[in-house]
Protein backbone atom coordinates (compact mmCIF):
# COMPACT_ATOMS: atom_id res chain seq x y z
CA MET A 1 95.06 108.14 86.05
CA VAL A 2 91.89 106.50 86.89
CA GLY A 3 91.11 108.83 89.98
CA LYS A 4 91.06 111.76 87.79
CA ARG A 5 88.92 110.26 85.06
CA LEU A 6 86.32 109.20 87.68
CA SER A 7 86.31 112.32 89.77
CA PRO A 8 83.80 114.15 87.55
CA ILE A 9 81.59 111.18 87.44
CA LEU A 10 81.71 110.78 91.28
CA GLU A 11 81.14 114.52 91.64
CA GLU A 12 78.05 114.12 89.58
CA ILE A 13 76.72 111.37 91.75
CA GLU A 14 77.34 113.50 94.85
CA THR A 15 75.28 116.37 93.40
CA VAL A 16 72.33 114.01 92.37
CA LEU A 17 72.43 112.44 95.99
CA LEU A 18 72.53 115.87 97.67
CA GLU A 19 69.67 117.16 95.51
CA HIS A 20 67.70 114.01 96.12
CA GLU A 21 68.08 114.24 100.01
CA VAL A 22 67.23 117.88 100.01
CA ILE A 23 64.24 117.68 97.80
CA THR A 24 62.53 114.21 98.77
CA ASN A 25 63.97 113.53 102.15
CA THR A 26 63.74 109.82 101.28
CA PRO A 27 66.32 107.10 101.10
CA PRO A 28 67.72 106.51 97.76
CA LYS A 29 66.92 102.72 97.77
CA PHE A 30 70.23 101.38 96.38
CA THR A 31 70.03 98.00 94.80
CA LYS A 32 72.63 95.27 96.38
CA GLU A 33 74.82 96.00 93.33
CA GLY A 34 74.56 99.86 93.91
CA PHE A 35 75.40 99.54 97.52
CA ARG A 36 78.29 97.31 96.69
CA ALA A 37 79.50 99.85 94.23
CA ALA A 38 79.39 102.56 96.76
CA VAL A 39 81.18 100.62 99.36
CA LYS A 40 83.90 99.83 96.81
CA ILE A 41 84.13 103.52 95.80
CA PHE A 42 84.37 104.51 99.35
CA SER A 43 87.13 101.80 99.89
CA SER A 44 89.12 102.84 97.05
CA ALA A 45 88.92 106.61 97.92
CA MET A 46 90.11 105.78 101.47
CA LEU A 47 92.98 103.64 100.08
CA ASP A 48 94.11 106.33 97.69
CA SER A 49 94.46 108.82 100.59
CA LEU A 50 96.04 106.09 102.68
CA TRP A 51 98.61 105.53 100.08
CA ASN A 52 99.43 109.38 99.95
CA LEU A 53 99.79 109.16 103.83
CA GLN A 54 102.09 106.09 103.69
CA GLU A 55 104.07 107.81 100.99
CA SER A 56 104.58 111.03 103.10
CA GLU A 57 105.62 109.09 106.10
CA ASN A 58 107.96 106.71 104.10
CA LEU A 59 106.53 103.73 105.83
CA SER A 60 107.92 100.10 105.42
CA LEU A 61 106.09 97.61 103.23
CA ASN A 62 105.26 95.63 106.22
CA ASP A 63 103.65 98.61 107.83
CA ARG A 64 101.81 99.50 104.84
CA ILE A 65 100.29 95.98 104.54
CA LYS A 66 99.19 96.22 108.16
CA MET A 67 97.50 99.60 107.65
CA VAL A 68 95.63 98.38 104.48
CA GLU A 69 94.50 95.25 106.12
CA SER A 70 93.26 97.11 109.16
CA LEU A 71 91.58 99.75 106.89
CA GLY A 72 89.63 97.00 105.07
CA ASN A 73 88.66 95.19 108.38
CA LYS A 74 87.39 98.56 109.84
CA ILE A 75 85.36 99.18 106.69
CA ARG A 76 83.85 95.92 106.83
CA ASP A 77 83.07 96.32 110.55
CA LEU A 78 81.54 99.74 110.03
CA VAL A 79 79.22 98.32 107.32
CA LYS A 80 78.22 95.34 109.35
CA ILE A 81 77.62 97.36 112.55
CA TYR A 82 75.41 99.95 110.82
CA THR A 83 73.64 97.88 108.16
CA ASN A 84 74.07 94.21 109.24
CA ILE A 85 75.57 93.57 105.89
CA ASP A 86 78.89 91.55 105.51
CA THR A 87 80.68 93.05 102.81
CA LYS A 88 82.12 89.71 101.58
CA ASP A 89 78.50 88.69 101.09
CA LEU A 90 78.16 91.43 98.54
CA TYR A 91 80.12 89.57 96.09
CA ASN A 92 78.18 86.25 96.34
CA ASN A 93 75.48 85.70 93.91
């Protein structure tokens, strides 16, 4: 499973970020590509947990689709509100 393979890498990234924040107290200054990757990773983690919730509640396919679309829109809105970045623009060259 890809989540299991990526988890140690994500934990290492988490550790590096925590150390950076504690030691330097400065922003990490992500590139556009790095920010895009971080948003994608967050979105994928949320969708993974959403899938588990949907399975446990035995939701219909229609309800699952609505929830996934809602989550995607809310993540896009969150990023736009707090960064003024439209996540769709992250995939334009």
